[in-house]
C-alpha cells in the first residue's frame, strides 16, 4: 500500500511539472528581475493554453485575441511597476 501512495505523489509531482514548467533564471539576480521572470513564464504558459484551446476549436479567435491582449497588458503593467528596463538616474 505504501508504494501506491509513493506512485500517487510521484504522478502529482510529474503532472505539476508538466502543466506548470519553470525554467531556471540566469539573468542578473535582483528581486524585480526574479518577479518579472516569474510573471513572464506565467504569461507564456497562459498564451500556450489559449493557443491550444483556439487551435482545437474550444475558443473563438476573437476571444483568444482578447484574452491574450489582456494578459499582455498585465505583463506590461508588471514591467512598469517593477521598473524593468528603466535607465538608472545619474
PDB file of N, CA and C in Angstrom:
ATOM      1  N   UNK A   1       0.812  -1.189   0.000  1.00  0.00           N
ATOM      2  CA  UNK A   1       0.000   0.000   0.000  1.00  0.00           C
ATOM      3  C   UNK A   1       0.857   1.255   0.000  1.00  0.00           C
ATOM      4  N   UNK A   2       1.969   1.243   0.699  1.00  0.00           N
ATOM      5  CA  UNK A   2       2.839   2.395   0.751  1.00  0.00           C
ATOM      6  C   UNK A   2       3.359   2.772  -0.632  1.00  0.00           C
ATOM      7  N   UNK A   3       3.596   1.765  -1.457  1.00  0.00           N
ATOM      8  CA  UNK A   3       4.091   2.006  -2.816  1.00  0.00           C
ATOM      9  C   UNK A   3       3.050   2.753  -3.642  1.00  0.00           C
ATOM     10  N   UNK A   4       1.770   2.439  -3.466  1.00  0.00           N
ATOM     11  CA  UNK A   4       0.714   3.146  -4.187  1.00  0.00           C
ATOM     12  C   UNK A   4       0.725   4.632  -3.855  1.00  0.00           C
ATOM     13  N   UNK A   5       0.943   4.961  -2.592  1.00  0.00           N
ATOM     14  CA  UNK A   5       0.974   6.367  -2.161  1.00  0.00           C
ATOM     15  C   UNK A   5       2.169   7.083  -2.781  1.00  0.00           C
ATOM     16  N   UNK A   6       3.313   6.412  -2.827  1.00  0.00           N
ATOM     17  CA  UNK A   6       4.510   6.993  -3.431  1.00  0.00           C
ATOM     18  C   UNK A   6       4.263   7.268  -4.910  1.00  0.00           C
ATOM     19  N   UNK A   7       3.671   6.319  -5.611  1.00  0.00           N
ATOM     20  CA  UNK A   7       3.385   6.487  -7.038  1.00  0.00           C
ATOM     21  C   UNK A   7       2.379   7.608  -7.255  1.00  0.00           C
ATOM     22  N   UNK A   8       1.385   7.705  -6.385  1.00  0.00           N
ATOM     23  CA  UNK A   8       0.376   8.758  -6.497  1.00  0.00           C
ATOM     24  C   UNK A   8       1.038  10.122  -6.352  1.00  0.00           C
ATOM     25  N   UNK A   9       1.903  10.280  -5.358  1.00  0.00           N
ATOM     26  CA  UNK A   9       2.619  11.537  -5.158  1.00  0.00           C
ATOM     27  C   UNK A   9       3.547  11.837  -6.323  1.00  0.00           C
ATOM     28  N   UNK A  10       4.233  10.810  -6.821  1.00  0.00           N
ATOM     29  CA  UNK A  10       5.133  10.997  -7.958  1.00  0.00           C
ATOM     30  C   UNK A  10       4.338  11.466  -9.163  1.00  0.00           C
ATOM     31  N   UNK A  11       3.190  10.853  -9.405  1.00  0.00           N
ATOM     32  CA  UNK A  11       2.349  11.237 -10.528  1.00  0.00           C
ATOM     33  C   UNK A  11       1.892  12.683 -10.401  1.00  0.00           C
ATOM     34  N   UNK A  12       1.536  13.119  -9.191  1.00  0.00           N
ATOM     35  CA  UNK A  12       1.110  14.507  -8.971  1.00  0.00           C
ATOM     36  C   UNK A  12       2.260  15.460  -9.256  1.00  0.00           C
ATOM     37  N   UNK A  13       3.449  15.110  -8.760  1.00  0.00           N
ATOM     38  CA  UNK A  13       4.609  15.968  -8.984  1.00  0.00           C
ATOM     39  C   UNK A  13       4.952  16.072 -10.461  1.00  0.00           C
ATOM     40  N   UNK A  14       4.942  14.941 -11.134  1.00  0.00           N
ATOM     41  CA  UNK A  14       5.261  14.947 -12.557  1.00  0.00           C
ATOM     42  C   UNK A  14       4.198  15.716 -13.342  1.00  0.00           C
ATOM     43  N   UNK A  15       2.947  15.557 -12.968  1.00  0.00           N
ATOM     44  CA  UNK A  15       1.857  16.279 -13.622  1.00  0.00           C
ATOM     45  C   UNK A  15       2.032  17.784 -13.431  1.00  0.00           C
ATOM     46  N   UNK A  16       2.355  18.207 -12.210  1.00  0.00           N
ATOM     47  CA  UNK A  16       2.567  19.632 -11.952  1.00  0.00           C
ATOM     48  C   UNK A  16       3.749  20.177 -12.742  1.00  0.00           C
ATOM     49  N   UNK A  17       4.824  19.411 -12.824  1.00  0.00           N
ATOM     50  CA  UNK A  17       5.987  19.843 -13.601  1.00  0.00           C
ATOM     51  C   UNK A  17       5.634  19.977 -15.077  1.00  0.00           C
ATOM     52  N   UNK A  18       4.793  19.083 -15.570  1.00  0.00           N
ATOM     53  CA  UNK A  18       4.377  19.138 -16.967  1.00  0.00           C
ATOM     54  C   UNK A  18       3.444  20.324 -17.209  1.00  0.00           C
ATOM     55  N   UNK A  19       2.461  20.512 -16.325  1.00  0.00           N
ATOM     56  CA  UNK A  19       1.485  21.578 -16.508  1.00  0.00           C
ATOM     57  C   UNK A  19       2.022  22.963 -16.180  1.00  0.00           C
ATOM     58  N   UNK A  20       2.944  23.022 -15.233  1.00  0.00           N
ATOM     59  CA  UNK A  20       3.466  24.314 -14.781  1.00  0.00           C
ATOM     60  C   UNK A  20       4.995  24.315 -14.819  1.00  0.00           C
ATOM     61  N   UNK A  21       5.569  24.180 -16.013  1.00  0.00           N
ATOM     62  CA  UNK A  21       7.032  24.124 -16.082  1.00  0.00           C
ATOM     63  C   UNK A  21       7.653  25.465 -15.694  1.00  0.00           C
ATOM     64  N   UNK A  22       8.776  25.399 -15.063  1.00  0.00           N
ATOM     65  CA  UNK A  22       9.535  26.598 -14.687  1.00  0.00           C
ATOM     66  C   UNK A  22      10.973  26.400 -15.132  1.00  0.00           C
ATOM     67  N   UNK A  23      11.511  27.436 -15.726  1.00  0.00           N
ATOM     68  CA  UNK A  23      12.902  27.393 -16.132  1.00  0.00           C
ATOM     69  C   UNK A  23      13.739  28.144 -15.114  1.00  0.00           C
ATOM     70  N   UNK A  24      14.974  27.734 -14.963  1.00  0.00           N
ATOM     71  CA  UNK A  24      15.883  28.435 -14.051  1.00  0.00           C
ATOM     72  C   UNK A  24      16.184  29.808 -14.619  1.00  0.00           C
ATOM     73  N   UNK A  25      16.355  30.760 -13.736  1.00  0.00           N
ATOM     74  CA  UNK A  25      16.663  32.133 -14.127  1.00  0.00           C
ATOM     75  C   UNK A  25      18.174  32.311 -14.159  1.00  0.00           C
ATOM     76  N   UNK A  26      18.689  32.868 -15.266  1.00  0.00           N
ATOM     77  CA  UNK A  26      20.131  33.029 -15.421  1.00  0.00           C
ATOM     78  C   UNK A  26      20.545  34.484 -15.578  1.00  0.00           C
ATOM     79  N   UNK A  27      19.623  35.423 -15.427  1.00  0.00           N
ATOM     80  CA  UNK A  27      19.947  36.836 -15.578  1.00  0.00           C
ATOM     81  C   UNK A  27      20.503  37.431 -14.304  1.00  0.00           C
ATOM     82  N   UNK A  28      20.564  38.771 -14.294  1.00  0.00           N
ATOM     83  CA  UNK A  28      21.044  39.490 -13.120  1.00  0.00           C
ATOM     84  C   UNK A  28      20.060  39.267 -11.980  1.00  0.00           C
ATOM     85  N   UNK A  29      20.546  38.750 -10.873  1.00  0.00           N
ATOM     86  CA  UNK A  29      19.682  38.383  -9.757  1.00  0.00           C
ATOM     87  C   UNK A  29      19.352  39.621  -8.920  1.00  0.00           C
ATOM     88  N   UNK A  30      18.177  40.149  -9.180  1.00  0.00           N
ATOM     89  CA  UNK A  30      17.613  41.250  -8.404  1.00  0.00           C
ATOM     90  C   UNK A  30      16.155  40.887  -8.169  1.00  0.00           C
ATOM     91  N   UNK A  31      15.585  41.267  -7.048  1.00  0.00           N
ATOM     92  CA  UNK A  31      14.201  40.874  -6.755  1.00  0.00           C
ATOM     93  C   UNK A  31      13.220  41.201  -7.890  1.00  0.00           C
ATOM     94  N   UNK A  32      13.333  42.402  -8.452  1.00  0.00           N
ATOM     95  CA  UNK A  32      12.397  42.782  -9.507  1.00  0.00           C
ATOM     96  C   UNK A  32      12.568  41.939 -10.770  1.00  0.00           C
ATOM     97  N   UNK A  33      13.808  41.538 -11.062  1.00  0.00           N
ATOM     98  CA  UNK A  33      14.038  40.679 -12.223  1.00  0.00           C
ATOM     99  C   UNK A  33      13.445  39.289 -12.007  1.00  0.00           C
ATOM    100  N   UNK A  34      13.584  38.769 -10.798  1.00  0.00           N
ATOM    101  CA  UNK A  34      13.033  37.445 -10.496  1.00  0.00           C
ATOM    102  C   UNK A  34      11.511  37.453 -10.557  1.00  0.00           C
ATOM    103  N   UNK A  35      10.897  38.510 -10.022  1.00  0.00           N
ATOM    104  CA  UNK A  35       9.437  38.617 -10.068  1.00  0.00           C
ATOM    105  C   UNK A  35       8.970  38.744 -11.516  1.00  0.00           C
ATOM    106  N   UNK A  36       9.643  39.586 -12.292  1.00  0.00           N
ATOM    107  CA  UNK A  36       9.241  39.744 -13.687  1.00  0.00           C
ATOM    108  C   UNK A  36       9.417  38.439 -14.456  1.00  0.00           C
ATOM    109  N   UNK A  37      10.501  37.719 -14.190  1.00  0.00           N
ATOM    110  CA  UNK A  37      10.719  36.446 -14.857  1.00  0.00           C
ATOM    111  C   UNK A  37       9.592  35.460 -14.557  1.00  0.00           C
ATOM    112  N   UNK A  38       9.156  35.416 -13.300  1.00  0.00           N
ATOM    113  CA  UNK A  38       8.037  34.540 -12.933  1.00  0.00           C
ATOM    114  C   UNK A  38       6.772  34.976 -13.672  1.00  0.00           C
ATOM    115  N   UNK A  39       6.543  36.288 -13.753  1.00  0.00           N
ATOM    116  CA  UNK A  39       5.370  36.797 -14.477  1.00  0.00           C
ATOM    117  C   UNK A  39       5.459  36.459 -15.954  1.00  0.00           C
ATOM    118  N   UNK A  40       6.644  36.569 -16.517  1.00  0.00           N
ATOM    119  CA  UNK A  40       6.848  36.265 -17.933  1.00  0.00           C
ATOM    120  C   UNK A  40       6.599  34.790 -18.228  1.00  0.00           C
ATOM    121  N   UNK A  41       7.085  33.919 -17.349  1.00  0.00           N
ATOM    122  CA  UNK A  41       6.858  32.485 -17.548  1.00  0.00           C
ATOM    123  C   UNK A  41       5.366  32.151 -17.440  1.00  0.00           C
ATOM    124  N   UNK A  42       4.681  32.780 -16.500  1.00  0.00           N
ATOM    125  CA  UNK A  42       3.245  32.554 -16.360  1.00  0.00           C
ATOM    126  C   UNK A  42       2.505  33.055 -17.602  1.00  0.00           C
ATOM    127  N   UNK A  43       2.904  34.211 -18.113  1.00  0.00           N
ATOM    128  CA  UNK A  43       2.325  34.761 -19.336  1.00  0.00           C
ATOM    129  C   UNK A  43       2.478  33.763 -20.490  1.00  0.00           C
ATOM    130  N   UNK A  44       3.685  33.266 -20.675  1.00  0.00           N
ATOM    131  CA  UNK A  44       3.960  32.334 -21.767  1.00  0.00           C
ATOM    132  C   UNK A  44       3.116  31.068 -21.643  1.00  0.00           C
ATOM    133  N   UNK A  45       2.990  30.573 -20.420  1.00  0.00           N
ATOM    134  CA  UNK A  45       2.206  29.360 -20.188  1.00  0.00           C
ATOM    135  C   UNK A  45       0.735  29.592 -20.541  1.00  0.00           C
ATOM    136  N   UNK A  46       0.190  30.722 -20.113  1.00  0.00           N
ATOM    137  CA  UNK A  46      -1.214  31.020 -20.395  1.00  0.00           C
ATOM    138  C   UNK A  46      -1.440  31.228 -21.886  1.00  0.00           C
ATOM    139  N   UNK A  47      -0.480  31.839 -22.570  1.00  0.00           N
ATOM    140  CA  UNK A  47      -0.585  32.025 -24.022  1.00  0.00           C
ATOM    141  C   UNK A  47      -0.620  30.658 -24.710  1.00  0.00           C
ATOM    142  N   UNK A  48       0.195  29.736 -24.246  1.00  0.00           N
ATOM    143  CA  UNK A  48       0.197  28.382 -24.814  1.00  0.00           C
ATOM    144  C   UNK A  48      -1.163  27.716 -24.651  1.00  0.00           C
ATOM    145  N   UNK A  49      -1.772  27.856 -23.471  1.00  0.00           N
ATOM    146  CA  UNK A  49      -3.088  27.257 -23.231  1.00  0.00           C
ATOM    147  C   UNK A  49      -4.142  27.878 -24.141  1.00  0.00           C
ATOM    148  N   UNK A  50      -4.138  29.192 -24.243  1.00  0.00           N
ATOM    149  CA  UNK A  50      -5.119  29.884 -25.094  1.00  0.00           C
ATOM    150  C   UNK A  50      -4.945  29.447 -26.536  1.00  0.00           C
ATOM    151  N   UNK A  51      -3.702  29.364 -26.992  1.00  0.00           N
ATOM    152  CA  UNK A  51      -3.424  28.934 -28.362  1.00  0.00           C
ATOM    153  C   UNK A  51      -3.945  27.520 -28.603  1.00  0.00           C
ATOM    154  N   UNK A  52      -3.710  26.635 -27.659  1.00  0.00           N
ATOM    155  CA  UNK A  52      -4.179  25.256 -27.806  1.00  0.00           C
ATOM    156  C   UNK A  52      -5.704  25.193 -27.838  1.00  0.00           C
ATOM    157  N   UNK A  53      -6.351  25.961 -26.962  1.00  0.00           N
ATOM    158  CA  UNK A  53      -7.818  25.969 -26.942  1.00  0.00           C
ATOM    159  C   UNK A  53      -8.381  26.503 -28.259  1.00  0.00           C
ATOM    160  N   UNK A  54      -7.790  27.558 -28.786  1.00  0.00           N
ATOM    161  CA  UNK A  54      -8.276  28.139 -30.033  1.00  0.00           C
ATOM    162  C   UNK A  54      -8.004  27.190 -31.196  1.00  0.00           C
ATOM    163  N   UNK A  55      -6.826  26.594 -31.228  1.00  0.00           N
ATOM    164  CA  UNK A  55      -6.467  25.665 -32.301  1.00  0.00           C
ATOM    165  C   UNK A  55      -7.414  24.469 -32.343  1.00  0.00           C
ATOM    166  N   UNK A  56      -7.859  24.029 -31.165  1.00  0.00           N
ATOM    167  CA  UNK A  56      -8.741  22.861 -31.086  1.00  0.00           C
ATOM    168  C   UNK A  56     -10.222  23.224 -31.128  1.00  0.00           C
ATOM    169  N   UNK A  57     -10.527  24.470 -31.456  1.00  0.00           N
ATOM    170  CA  UNK A  57     -11.912  24.883 -31.628  1.00  0.00           C
ATOM    171  C   UNK A  57     -12.681  25.094 -30.339  1.00  0.00           C
ATOM    172  N   UNK A  58     -11.996  25.169 -29.218  1.00  0.00           N
ATOM    173  CA  UNK A  58     -12.658  25.351 -27.924  1.00  0.00           C
ATOM    174  C   UNK A  58     -12.795  26.823 -27.552  1.00  0.00           C
ATOM    175  N   UNK A  59     -12.142  27.689 -28.323  1.00  0.00           N
ATOM    176  CA  UNK A  59     -12.157  29.117 -28.046  1.00  0.00           C
ATOM    177  C   UNK A  59     -12.206  29.855 -29.377  1.00  0.00           C
ATOM    178  N   UNK A  60     -13.102  30.816 -29.487  1.00  0.00           N
ATOM    179  CA  UNK A  60     -13.221  31.593 -30.720  1.00  0.00           C
ATOM    180  C   UNK A  60     -11.973  32.456 -30.898  1.00  0.00           C
ATOM    181  N   UNK A  61     -11.561  32.698 -32.151  1.00  0.00           N
ATOM    182  CA  UNK A  61     -10.372  33.520 -32.394  1.00  0.00           C
ATOM    183  C   UNK A  61     -10.438  34.893 -31.711  1.00  0.00           C
ATOM    184  N   UNK A  62     -11.582  35.568 -31.770  1.00  0.00           N
ATOM    185  CA  UNK A  62     -11.706  36.883 -31.149  1.00  0.00           C
ATOM    186  C   UNK A  62     -11.557  36.785 -29.628  1.00  0.00           C
ATOM    187  N   UNK A  63     -12.126  35.746 -29.036  1.00  0.00           N
ATOM    188  CA  UNK A  63     -11.983  35.552 -27.584  1.00  0.00           C
ATOM    189  C   UNK A  63     -10.526  35.285 -27.214  1.00  0.00           C
ATOM    190  N   UNK A  64      -9.858  34.471 -28.034  1.00  0.00           N
ATOM    191  CA  UNK A  64      -8.448  34.179 -27.793  1.00  0.00           C
ATOM    192  C   UNK A  64      -7.634  35.477 -27.871  1.00  0.00           C
ATOM    193  N   UNK A  65      -7.920  36.275 -28.884  1.00  0.00           N
ATOM    194  CA  UNK A  65      -7.209  37.540 -29.039  1.00  0.00           C
ATOM    195  C   UNK A  65      -7.420  38.440 -27.830  1.00  0.00           C
ATOM    196  N   UNK A  66      -8.653  38.567 -27.373  1.00  0.00           N
ATOM    197  CA  UNK A  66      -8.960  39.439 -26.241  1.00  0.00           C
ATOM    198  C   UNK A  66      -8.258  38.956 -24.963  1.00  0.00           C
ATOM    199  N   UNK A  67      -8.250  37.644 -24.761  1.00  0.00           N
ATOM    200  CA  UNK A  67      -7.576  37.096 -23.581  1.00  0.00           C
ATOM    201  C   UNK A  67      -6.074  37.363 -23.636  1.00  0.00           C
ATOM    202  N   UNK A  68      -5.488  37.188 -24.820  1.00  0.00           N
ATOM    203  CA  UNK A  68      -4.060  37.434 -24.980  1.00  0.00           C
ATOM    204  C   UNK A  68      -3.735  38.917 -24.805  1.00  0.00           C
ATOM    205  N   UNK A  69      -4.596  39.754 -25.336  1.00  0.00           N
ATOM    206  CA  UNK A  69      -4.398  41.198 -25.196  1.00  0.00           C
ATOM    207  C   UNK A  69      -4.425  41.603 -23.721  1.00  0.00           C
ATOM    208  N   UNK A  70      -5.351  41.036 -22.968  1.00  0.00           N
ATOM    209  CA  UNK A  70      -5.457  41.309 -21.542  1.00  0.00           C
ATOM    210  C   UNK A  70      -4.207  40.841 -20.795  1.00  0.00           C
ATOM    211  N   UNK A  71      -3.732  39.647 -21.130  1.00  0.00           N
ATOM    212  CA  UNK A  71      -2.519  39.127 -20.497  1.00  0.00           C
ATOM    213  C   UNK A  71      -1.310  40.008 -20.816  1.00  0.00           C
ATOM    214  N   UNK A  72      -1.241  40.485 -22.067  1.00  0.00           N
ATOM    215  CA  UNK A  72      -0.142  41.359 -22.472  1.00  0.00           C
ATOM    216  C   UNK A  72      -0.156  42.655 -21.655  1.00  0.00           C
ATOM    217  N   UNK A  73      -1.355  43.224 -21.471  1.00  0.00           N
ATOM    218  CA  UNK A  73      -1.485  44.449 -20.682  1.00  0.00           C
ATOM    219  C   UNK A  73      -1.032  44.214 -19.245  1.00  0.00           C
ATOM    220  N   UNK A  74      -1.372  43.058 -18.687  1.00  0.00           N
ATOM    221  CA  UNK A  74      -0.943  42.728 -17.326  1.00  0.00           C
ATOM    222  C   UNK A  74       0.577  42.623 -17.243  1.00  0.00           C
ATOM    223  N   UNK A  75       1.188  42.004 -18.254  1.00  0.00           N
ATOM    224  CA  UNK A  75       2.642  41.852 -18.267  1.00  0.00           C
ATOM    225  C   UNK A  75       3.316  43.216 -18.400  1.00  0.00           C
ATOM    226  N   UNK A  76       2.782  44.069 -19.286  1.00  0.00           N
ATOM    227  CA  UNK A  76       3.342  45.416 -19.443  1.00  0.00           C
ATOM    228  C   UNK A  76       3.235  46.204 -18.140  1.00  0.00           C
ATOM    229  N   UNK A  77       2.103  46.079 -17.467  1.00  0.00           N
ATOM    230  CA  UNK A  77       1.899  46.769 -16.202  1.00  0.00           C
ATOM    231  C   UNK A  77       2.897  46.269 -15.160  1.00  0.00           C
ATOM    232  N   UNK A  78       3.113  44.981 -15.129  1.00  0.00           N
ATOM    233  CA  UNK A  78       4.081  44.383 -14.209  1.00  0.00           C
ATOM    234  C   UNK A  78       5.478  44.946 -14.477  1.00  0.00           C
ATOM    235  N   UNK A  79       5.843  45.015 -15.742  1.00  0.00           N
ATOM    236  CA  UNK A  79       7.155  45.538 -16.129  1.00  0.00           C
ATOM    237  C   UNK A  79       7.309  46.971 -15.647  1.00  0.00           C
ATOM    238  N   UNK A  80       6.285  47.765 -15.862  1.00  0.00           N
ATOM    239  CA  UNK A  80       6.326  49.172 -15.469  1.00  0.00           C
ATOM    240  C   UNK A  80       6.409  49.311 -13.946  1.00  0.00           C
ATOM    241  N   UNK A  81       5.569  48.568 -13.226  1.00  0.00           N
ATOM    242  CA  UNK A  81       5.561  48.652 -11.769  1.00  0.00           C
ATOM    243  C   UNK A  81       6.888  48.213 -11.152  1.00  0.00           C
ATOM    244  N   UNK A  82       7.526  47.245 -11.769  1.00  0.00           N
ATOM    245  CA  UNK A  82       8.800  46.739 -11.257  1.00  0.00           C
ATOM    246  C   UNK A  82       9.983  47.583 -11.695  1.00  0.00           C
ATOM    247  N   UNK A  83       9.756  48.492 -12.630  1.00  0.00           N
ATOM    248  CA  UNK A  83      10.834  49.349 -13.116  1.00  0.00           C
ATOM    249  C   UNK A  83      11.816  48.628 -14.009  1.00  0.00           C
ATOM    250  N   UNK A  84      11.359  47.563 -14.653  1.00  0.00           N
ATOM    251  CA  UNK A  84      12.228  46.801 -15.546  1.00  0.00           C
ATOM    252  C   UNK A  84      12.474  47.623 -16.807  1.00  0.00           C
ATOM    253  N   UNK A  85      13.745  47.757 -17.186  1.00  0.00           N
ATOM    254  CA  UNK A  85      14.087  48.474 -18.413  1.00  0.00           C
ATOM    255  C   UNK A  85      14.253  49.968 -18.234  1.00  0.00           C
ATOM    256  N   UNK A  86      13.967  50.480 -17.056  1.00  0.00           N
ATOM    257  CA  UNK A  86      14.181  51.909 -16.803  1.00  0.00           C
ATOM    258  C   UNK A  86      15.667  52.166 -16.649  1.00  0.00           C
ATOM    259  N   UNK A  87      16.113  53.235 -17.267  1.00  0.00           N
ATOM    260  CA  UNK A  87      17.524  53.596 -17.122  1.00  0.00           C
ATOM    261  C   UNK A  87      17.736  54.217 -15.757  1.00  0.00           C
ATOM    262  N   UNK A  88      18.772  53.801 -15.056  1.00  0.00           N
ATOM    263  CA  UNK A  88      19.026  54.374 -13.727  1.00  0.00           C
ATOM    264  C   UNK A  88      19.363  55.861 -13.859  1.00  0.00           C
ATOM    265  N   UNK A  89      18.867  56.638 -12.915  1.00  0.00           N
ATOM    266  CA  UNK A  89      19.149  58.071 -12.953  1.00  0.00           C
ATOM    267  C   UNK A  89      20.560  58.317 -12.429  1.00  0.00           C
ATOM    268  N   UNK A  90      21.228  59.249 -13.078  1.00  0.00           N
ATOM    269  CA  UNK A  90      22.624  59.529 -12.720  1.00  0.00           C
ATOM    270  C   UNK A  90      22.724  60.533 -11.606  1.00  0.00           C
TER     271      UNK A  90
END
